[in-house]
Amino acid sequence: MVLATLDFGNAILLFSGLSFLGLGSPPPTPEWGAMVADGVLNFNYWWIGALPGLAILSMAVGANFIGDSLRDFLDPKLRKEL
């Protein structure tokens, strides 16, 4: 269960990187990586690429924090005795 939450952040980064390169779903499907790629084309409007990039970052870091806290909670060696 812990490994699944840690791999979730890696999967988000992998799929958004692939869609940034144009190897994701077809264009009508909204993907964060494709939105960042559209932001590169419209560089004068920085929020077009920055906001999906922040969403990718927050989801990846959040999944890693959840996985780390699950590991701390479920590991009997790390539990403190009362």
PDB file of N, CA and C in Angstrom:
ATOM      1  N   MET A   1       0.829  -1.185   0.000  1.00  0.00           N
ATOM      2  CA  MET A   1       0.000   0.000   0.000  1.00  0.00           C
ATOM      3  C   MET A   1       0.883   1.261   0.000  1.00  0.00           C
ATOM      4  N   VAL A   2       1.968   1.214   0.753  1.00  0.00           N
ATOM      5  CA  VAL A   2       2.872   2.355   0.795  1.00  0.00           C
ATOM      6  C   VAL A   2       3.555   2.545  -0.553  1.00  0.00           C
ATOM      7  N   LEU A   3       3.992   1.454  -1.138  1.00  0.00           N
ATOM      8  CA  LEU A   3       4.672   1.532  -2.430  1.00  0.00           C
ATOM      9  C   LEU A   3       3.734   2.055  -3.528  1.00  0.00           C
ATOM     10  N   ALA A   4       2.459   1.716  -3.426  1.00  0.00           N
ATOM     11  CA  ALA A   4       1.489   2.205  -4.420  1.00  0.00           C
ATOM     12  C   ALA A   4       1.340   3.719  -4.343  1.00  0.00           C
ATOM     13  N   THR A   5       1.316   4.282  -3.143  1.00  0.00           N
ATOM     14  CA  THR A   5       1.192   5.737  -3.038  1.00  0.00           C
ATOM     15  C   THR A   5       2.471   6.430  -3.492  1.00  0.00           C
ATOM     16  N   LEU A   6       3.621   5.816  -3.249  1.00  0.00           N
ATOM     17  CA  LEU A   6       4.865   6.421  -3.724  1.00  0.00           C
ATOM     18  C   LEU A   6       4.990   6.321  -5.238  1.00  0.00           C
ATOM     19  N   ASP A   7       4.502   5.236  -5.813  1.00  0.00           N
ATOM     20  CA  ASP A   7       4.543   5.093  -7.267  1.00  0.00           C
ATOM     21  C   ASP A   7       3.508   5.972  -7.964  1.00  0.00           C
ATOM     22  N   PHE A   8       2.501   6.402  -7.252  1.00  0.00           N
ATOM     23  CA  PHE A   8       1.480   7.274  -7.833  1.00  0.00           C
ATOM     24  C   PHE A   8       2.094   8.599  -8.279  1.00  0.00           C
ATOM     25  N   GLY A   9       2.971   9.175  -7.464  1.00  0.00           N
ATOM     26  CA  GLY A   9       3.651  10.413  -7.843  1.00  0.00           C
ATOM     27  C   GLY A   9       4.550  10.221  -9.046  1.00  0.00           C
ATOM     28  N   ASN A  10       5.238   9.083  -9.099  1.00  0.00           N
ATOM     29  CA  ASN A  10       6.088   8.801 -10.255  1.00  0.00           C
ATOM     30  C   ASN A  10       5.266   8.608 -11.515  1.00  0.00           C
ATOM     31  N   ALA A  11       4.106   7.993 -11.391  1.00  0.00           N
ATOM     32  CA  ALA A  11       3.241   7.794 -12.557  1.00  0.00           C
ATOM     33  C   ALA A  11       2.719   9.130 -13.083  1.00  0.00           C
ATOM     34  N   ILE A  12       2.398  10.038 -12.190  1.00  0.00           N
ATOM     35  CA  ILE A  12       1.939  11.366 -12.612  1.00  0.00           C
ATOM     36  C   ILE A  12       3.038  12.070 -13.400  1.00  0.00           C
ATOM     37  N   LEU A  13       4.261  12.007 -12.896  1.00  0.00           N
ATOM     38  CA  LEU A  13       5.375  12.652 -13.594  1.00  0.00           C
ATOM     39  C   LEU A  13       5.665  11.988 -14.933  1.00  0.00           C
ATOM     40  N   LEU A  14       5.574  10.666 -14.980  1.00  0.00           N
ATOM     41  CA  LEU A  14       5.832   9.947 -16.223  1.00  0.00           C
ATOM     42  C   LEU A  14       4.790  10.278 -17.287  1.00  0.00           C
ATOM     43  N   PHE A  15       3.510  10.207 -16.925  1.00  0.00           N
ATOM     44  CA  PHE A  15       2.455  10.457 -17.909  1.00  0.00           C
ATOM     45  C   PHE A  15       2.404  11.918 -18.344  1.00  0.00           C
ATOM     46  N   SER A  16       2.682  12.837 -17.428  1.00  0.00           N
ATOM     47  CA  SER A  16       2.685  14.238 -17.842  1.00  0.00           C
ATOM     48  C   SER A  16       3.896  14.540 -18.723  1.00  0.00           C
ATOM     49  N   GLY A  17       5.015  13.884 -18.470  1.00  0.00           N
ATOM     50  CA  GLY A  17       6.172  14.059 -19.343  1.00  0.00           C
ATOM     51  C   GLY A  17       5.929  13.518 -20.738  1.00  0.00           C
ATOM     52  N   LEU A  18       5.266  12.365 -20.811  1.00  0.00           N
ATOM     53  CA  LEU A  18       4.942  11.805 -22.123  1.00  0.00           C
ATOM     54  C   LEU A  18       3.949  12.673 -22.883  1.00  0.00           C
ATOM     55  N   SER A  19       2.953  13.198 -22.174  1.00  0.00           N
ATOM     56  CA  SER A  19       1.983  14.047 -22.875  1.00  0.00           C
ATOM     57  C   SER A  19       2.604  15.393 -23.233  1.00  0.00           C
ATOM     58  N   PHE A  20       3.608  15.856 -22.478  1.00  0.00           N
ATOM     59  CA  PHE A  20       4.317  17.079 -22.855  1.00  0.00           C
ATOM     60  C   PHE A  20       5.054  16.888 -24.170  1.00  0.00           C
ATOM     61  N   LEU A  21       5.597  15.687 -24.377  1.00  0.00           N
ATOM     62  CA  LEU A  21       6.303  15.391 -25.621  1.00  0.00           C
ATOM     63  C   LEU A  21       5.366  15.072 -26.782  1.00  0.00           C
ATOM     64  N   GLY A  22       4.071  14.964 -26.506  1.00  0.00           N
ATOM     65  CA  GLY A  22       3.103  14.666 -27.554  1.00  0.00           C
ATOM     66  C   GLY A  22       2.811  13.189 -27.712  1.00  0.00           C
ATOM     67  N   LEU A  23       3.217  12.378 -26.741  1.00  0.00           N
ATOM     68  CA  LEU A  23       3.006  10.936 -26.817  1.00  0.00           C
ATOM     69  C   LEU A  23       1.861  10.465 -25.929  1.00  0.00           C
ATOM     70  N   GLY A  24       0.994  11.368 -25.523  1.00  0.00           N
ATOM     71  CA  GLY A  24      -0.122  11.022 -24.655  1.00  0.00           C
ATOM     72  C   GLY A  24      -1.398  10.762 -25.439  1.00  0.00           C
ATOM     73  N   SER A  25      -2.511  11.101 -24.827  1.00  0.00           N
ATOM     74  CA  SER A  25      -3.818  10.924 -25.452  1.00  0.00           C
ATOM     75  C   SER A  25      -3.997  11.906 -26.603  1.00  0.00           C
ATOM     76  N   PRO A  26      -4.983  11.661 -27.459  1.00  0.00           N
ATOM     77  CA  PRO A  26      -5.244  12.600 -28.559  1.00  0.00           C
ATOM     78  C   PRO A  26      -5.604  13.998 -28.043  1.00  0.00           C
ATOM     79  N   PRO A  27      -5.405  15.036 -28.844  1.00  0.00           N
ATOM     80  CA  PRO A  27      -5.529  16.425 -28.400  1.00  0.00           C
ATOM     81  C   PRO A  27      -6.824  16.859 -27.719  1.00  0.00           C
ATOM     82  N   PRO A  28      -7.995  16.351 -28.035  1.00  0.00           N
ATOM     83  CA  PRO A  28      -9.145  16.882 -27.277  1.00  0.00           C
ATOM     84  C   PRO A  28      -9.145  16.467 -25.808  1.00  0.00           C
ATOM     85  N   THR A  29      -8.383  15.440 -25.449  1.00  0.00           N
ATOM     86  CA  THR A  29      -8.337  14.986 -24.063  1.00  0.00           C
ATOM     87  C   THR A  29      -7.440  15.926 -23.257  1.00  0.00           C
ATOM     88  N   PRO A  30      -7.966  16.501 -22.162  1.00  0.00           N
ATOM     89  CA  PRO A  30      -7.125  17.408 -21.369  1.00  0.00           C
ATOM     90  C   PRO A  30      -6.129  16.622 -20.517  1.00  0.00           C
ATOM     91  N   GLU A  31      -4.858  16.957 -20.655  1.00  0.00           N
ATOM     92  CA  GLU A  31      -3.803  16.365 -19.838  1.00  0.00           C
ATOM     93  C   GLU A  31      -2.889  17.482 -19.365  1.00  0.00           C
ATOM     94  N   TRP A  32      -2.327  17.334 -18.176  1.00  0.00           N
ATOM     95  CA  TRP A  32      -1.500  18.390 -17.603  1.00  0.00           C
ATOM     96  C   TRP A  32      -0.241  18.621 -18.412  1.00  0.00           C
ATOM     97  N   GLY A  33       0.372  17.579 -18.908  1.00  0.00           N
ATOM     98  CA  GLY A  33       1.584  17.749 -19.701  1.00  0.00           C
ATOM     99  C   GLY A  33       1.321  18.478 -21.000  1.00  0.00           C
ATOM    100  N   ALA A  34       0.190  18.180 -21.640  1.00  0.00           N
ATOM    101  CA  ALA A  34      -0.175  18.882 -22.870  1.00  0.00           C
ATOM    102  C   ALA A  34      -0.501  20.344 -22.585  1.00  0.00           C
ATOM    103  N   MET A  35      -1.080  20.608 -21.407  1.00  0.00           N
ATOM    104  CA  MET A  35      -1.360  21.992 -21.039  1.00  0.00           C
ATOM    105  C   MET A  35      -0.067  22.776 -20.824  1.00  0.00           C
ATOM    106  N   VAL A  36       0.947  22.127 -20.229  1.00  0.00           N
ATOM    107  CA  VAL A  36       2.240  22.784 -20.056  1.00  0.00           C
ATOM    108  C   VAL A  36       2.878  23.029 -21.419  1.00  0.00           C
ATOM    109  N   ALA A  37       2.749  22.078 -22.337  1.00  0.00           N
ATOM    110  CA  ALA A  37       3.287  22.259 -23.691  1.00  0.00           C
ATOM    111  C   ALA A  37       2.591  23.415 -24.410  1.00  0.00           C
ATOM    112  N   ASP A  38       1.286  23.585 -24.194  1.00  0.00           N
ATOM    113  CA  ASP A  38       0.586  24.736 -24.765  1.00  0.00           C
ATOM    114  C   ASP A  38       1.089  26.048 -24.157  1.00  0.00           C
ATOM    115  N   GLY A  39       1.479  25.987 -22.888  1.00  0.00           N
ATOM    116  CA  GLY A  39       2.026  27.169 -22.239  1.00  0.00           C
ATOM    117  C   GLY A  39       3.373  27.568 -22.803  1.00  0.00           C
ATOM    118  N   VAL A  40       4.135  26.599 -23.298  1.00  0.00           N
ATOM    119  CA  VAL A  40       5.415  26.913 -23.933  1.00  0.00           C
ATOM    120  C   VAL A  40       5.177  27.669 -25.237  1.00  0.00           C
ATOM    121  N   LEU A  41       4.127  27.309 -25.947  1.00  0.00           N
ATOM    122  CA  LEU A  41       3.806  27.997 -27.202  1.00  0.00           C
ATOM    123  C   LEU A  41       3.313  29.417 -26.964  1.00  0.00           C
ATOM    124  N   ASN A  42       2.620  29.649 -25.856  1.00  0.00           N
ATOM    125  CA  ASN A  42       2.101  30.973 -25.498  1.00  0.00           C
ATOM    126  C   ASN A  42       2.912  31.513 -24.328  1.00  0.00           C
ATOM    127  N   PHE A  43       4.167  31.844 -24.560  1.00  0.00           N
ATOM    128  CA  PHE A  43       5.077  32.200 -23.474  1.00  0.00           C
ATOM    129  C   PHE A  43       4.733  33.541 -22.839  1.00  0.00           C
ATOM    130  N   ASN A  44       4.048  34.418 -23.552  1.00  0.00           N
ATOM    131  CA  ASN A  44       3.666  35.713 -22.977  1.00  0.00           C
ATOM    132  C   ASN A  44       2.616  35.559 -21.887  1.00  0.00           C
ATOM    133  N   TYR A  45       1.819  34.529 -21.958  1.00  0.00           N
ATOM    134  CA  TYR A  45       0.804  34.239 -20.950  1.00  0.00           C
ATOM    135  C   TYR A  45       1.329  33.102 -20.079  1.00  0.00           C
ATOM    136  N   TRP A  46       2.090  33.447 -19.032  1.00  0.00           N
ATOM    137  CA  TRP A  46       2.826  32.475 -18.252  1.00  0.00           C
ATOM    138  C   TRP A  46       1.925  31.527 -17.473  1.00  0.00           C
ATOM    139  N   TRP A  47       0.713  31.951 -17.127  1.00  0.00           N
ATOM    140  CA  TRP A  47      -0.159  31.122 -16.305  1.00  0.00           C
ATOM    141  C   TRP A  47      -0.715  29.919 -17.057  1.00  0.00           C
ATOM    142  N   ILE A  48      -0.661  29.934 -18.374  1.00  0.00           N
ATOM    143  CA  ILE A  48      -1.161  28.794 -19.149  1.00  0.00           C
ATOM    144  C   ILE A  48      -0.313  27.551 -18.885  1.00  0.00           C
ATOM    145  N   GLY A  49       0.973  27.708 -18.725  1.00  0.00           N
ATOM    146  CA  GLY A  49       1.838  26.577 -18.439  1.00  0.00           C
ATOM    147  C   GLY A  49       2.181  26.421 -16.977  1.00  0.00           C
ATOM    148  N   ALA A  50       2.147  27.517 -16.215  1.00  0.00           N
ATOM    149  CA  ALA A  50       2.569  27.460 -14.818  1.00  0.00           C
ATOM    150  C   ALA A  50       1.539  26.781 -13.924  1.00  0.00           C
ATOM    151  N   LEU A  51       0.269  27.028 -14.152  1.00  0.00           N
ATOM    152  CA  LEU A  51      -0.750  26.441 -13.277  1.00  0.00           C
ATOM    153  C   LEU A  51      -0.863  24.919 -13.413  1.00  0.00           C
ATOM    154  N   PRO A  52      -0.850  24.350 -14.629  1.00  0.00           N
ATOM    155  CA  PRO A  52      -0.799  22.883 -14.705  1.00  0.00           C
ATOM    156  C   PRO A  52       0.517  22.318 -14.159  1.00  0.00           C
ATOM    157  N   GLY A  53       1.603  23.056 -14.314  1.00  0.00           N
ATOM    158  CA  GLY A  53       2.871  22.614 -13.739  1.00  0.00           C
ATOM    159  C   GLY A  53       2.822  22.585 -12.222  1.00  0.00           C
ATOM    160  N   LEU A  54       2.183  23.570 -11.618  1.00  0.00           N
ATOM    161  CA  LEU A  54       2.008  23.566 -10.170  1.00  0.00           C
ATOM    162  C   LEU A  54       1.088  22.439  -9.717  1.00  0.00           C
ATOM    163  N   ALA A  55       0.090  22.113 -10.531  1.00  0.00           N
ATOM    164  CA  ALA A  55      -0.793  20.993 -10.199  1.00  0.00           C
ATOM    165  C   ALA A  55      -0.036  19.668 -10.248  1.00  0.00           C
ATOM    166  N   ILE A  56       0.829  19.508 -11.244  1.00  0.00           N
ATOM    167  CA  ILE A  56       1.653  18.299 -11.333  1.00  0.00           C
ATOM    168  C   ILE A  56       2.565  18.203 -10.119  1.00  0.00           C
ATOM    169  N   LEU A  57       3.213  19.303  -9.778  1.00  0.00           N
ATOM    170  CA  LEU A  57       4.117  19.328  -8.641  1.00  0.00           C
ATOM    171  C   LEU A  57       3.400  19.016  -7.336  1.00  0.00           C
ATOM    172  N   SER A  58       2.257  19.637  -7.115  1.00  0.00           N
ATOM    173  CA  SER A  58       1.540  19.423  -5.852  1.00  0.00           C
ATOM    174  C   SER A  58       0.997  18.006  -5.732  1.00  0.00           C
ATOM    175  N   MET A  59       0.546  17.426  -6.824  1.00  0.00           N
ATOM    176  CA  MET A  59       0.059  16.046  -6.755  1.00  0.00           C
ATOM    177  C   MET A  59       1.193  15.063  -6.512  1.00  0.00           C
ATOM    178  N   ALA A  60       2.328  15.252  -7.152  1.00  0.00           N
ATOM    179  CA  ALA A  60       3.464  14.339  -6.974  1.00  0.00           C
ATOM    180  C   ALA A  60       4.034  14.448  -5.562  1.00  0.00           C
ATOM    181  N   VAL A  61       4.213  15.663  -5.072  1.00  0.00           N
ATOM    182  CA  VAL A  61       4.752  15.847  -3.726  1.00  0.00           C
ATOM    183  C   VAL A  61       3.738  15.387  -2.681  1.00  0.00           C
ATOM    184  N   GLY A  62       2.460  15.657  -2.906  1.00  0.00           N
ATOM    185  CA  GLY A  62       1.421  15.211  -1.975  1.00  0.00           C
ATOM    186  C   GLY A  62       1.336  13.698  -1.886  1.00  0.00           C
ATOM    187  N   ALA A  63       1.433  13.012  -3.014  1.00  0.00           N
ATOM    188  CA  ALA A  63       1.411  11.546  -2.993  1.00  0.00           C
ATOM    189  C   ALA A  63       2.634  11.002  -2.270  1.00  0.00           C
ATOM    190  N   ASN A  64       3.784  11.633  -2.451  1.00  0.00           N
ATOM    191  CA  ASN A  64       4.984  11.192  -1.741  1.00  0.00           C
ATOM    192  C   ASN A  64       4.872  11.439  -0.240  1.00  0.00           C
ATOM    193  N   PHE A  65       4.295  12.552   0.169  1.00  0.00           N
ATOM    194  CA  PHE A  65       4.101  12.814   1.596  1.00  0.00           C
ATOM    195  C   PHE A  65       3.123  11.828   2.211  1.00  0.00           C
ATOM    196  N   ILE A  66       2.063  11.498   1.489  1.00  0.00           N
ATOM    197  CA  ILE A  66       1.100  10.515   2.004  1.00  0.00           C
ATOM    198  C   ILE A  66       1.755   9.151   2.135  1.00  0.00           C
ATOM    199  N   GLY A  67       2.539   8.755   1.148  1.00  0.00           N
ATOM    200  CA  GLY A  67       3.235   7.471   1.219  1.00  0.00           C
ATOM    201  C   GLY A  67       4.245   7.427   2.350  1.00  0.00           C
ATOM    202  N   ASP A  68       4.949   8.524   2.575  1.00  0.00           N
ATOM    203  CA  ASP A  68       5.926   8.574   3.653  1.00  0.00           C
ATOM    204  C   ASP A  68       5.244   8.517   5.014  1.00  0.00           C
ATOM    205  N   SER A  69       4.142   9.225   5.166  1.00  0.00           N
ATOM    206  CA  SER A  69       3.433   9.183   6.445  1.00  0.00           C
ATOM    207  C   SER A  69       2.781   7.820   6.672  1.00  0.00           C
ATOM    208  N   LEU A  70       2.323   7.169   5.612  1.00  0.00           N
ATOM    209  CA  LEU A  70       1.806   5.798   5.760  1.00  0.00           C
ATOM    210  C   LEU A  70       2.909   4.841   6.195  1.00  0.00           C
ATOM    211  N   ARG A  71       4.092   5.008   5.639  1.00  0.00           N
ATOM    212  CA  ARG A  71       5.218   4.162   6.039  1.00  0.00           C
ATOM    213  C   ARG A  71       5.549   4.380   7.508  1.00  0.00           C
ATOM    214  N   ASP A  72       5.555   5.624   7.948  1.00  0.00           N
ATOM    215  CA  ASP A  72       5.833   5.911   9.351  1.00  0.00           C
ATOM    216  C   ASP A  72       4.756   5.336  10.265  1.00  0.00           C
ATOM    217  N   PHE A  73       3.510   5.376   9.828  1.00  0.00           N
ATOM    218  CA  PHE A  73       2.407   4.891  10.647  1.00  0.00           C
ATOM    219  C   PHE A  73       2.370   3.370  10.714  1.00  0.00           C
ATOM    220  N   LEU A  74       2.666   2.709   9.604  1.00  0.00           N
ATOM    221  CA  LEU A  74       2.526   1.263   9.553  1.00  0.00           C
ATOM    222  C   LEU A  74       3.776   0.485   9.962  1.00  0.00           C
ATOM    223  N   ASP A  75       4.929   1.132  10.053  1.00  0.00           N
ATOM    224  CA  ASP A  75       6.158   0.430  10.412  1.00  0.00           C
ATOM    225  C   ASP A  75       6.218   0.257  11.927  1.00  0.00           C
ATOM    226  N   PRO A  76       6.235  -0.986  12.417  1.00  0.00           N
ATOM    227  CA  PRO A  76       6.253  -1.186  13.873  1.00  0.00           C
ATOM    228  C   PRO A  76       7.568  -0.762  14.514  1.00  0.00           C
ATOM    229  N   LYS A  77       8.646  -0.720  13.762  1.00  0.00           N
ATOM    230  CA  LYS A  77       9.929  -0.294  14.331  1.00  0.00           C
ATOM    231  C   LYS A  77       9.960   1.191  14.628  1.00  0.00           C
ATOM    232  N   LEU A  78       9.183   1.964  13.896  1.00  0.00           N
ATOM    233  CA  LEU A  78       9.189   3.399  14.083  1.00  0.00           C
ATOM    234  C   LEU A  78       8.158   3.895  15.108  1.00  0.00           C
ATOM    235  N   ARG A  79       7.285   3.017  15.530  1.00  0.00           N
ATOM    236  CA  ARG A  79       6.268   3.419  16.499  1.00  0.00           C
ATOM    237  C   ARG A  79       6.909   3.614  17.870  1.00  0.00           C
ATOM    238  N   LYS A  80       6.493   4.621  18.539  1.00  0.00           N
ATOM    239  CA  LYS A  80       7.005   4.894  19.892  1.00  0.00           C
ATOM    240  C   LYS A  80       6.067   4.261  20.913  1.00  0.00           C
ATOM    241  N   GLU A  81       6.646   3.706  21.931  1.00  0.00           N
ATOM    242  CA  GLU A  81       5.829   3.103  22.983  1.00  0.00           C
ATOM    243  C   GLU A  81       5.367   4.202  23.931  1.00  0.00           C
ATOM    244  N   LEU A  82       4.135   4.059  24.403  1.00  0.00           N
ATOM    245  CA  LEU A  82       3.585   5.065  25.323  1.00  0.00           C
ATOM    246  C   LEU A  82       3.938   4.771  26.739  1.00  0.00           C
TER     247      LEU A  82
END
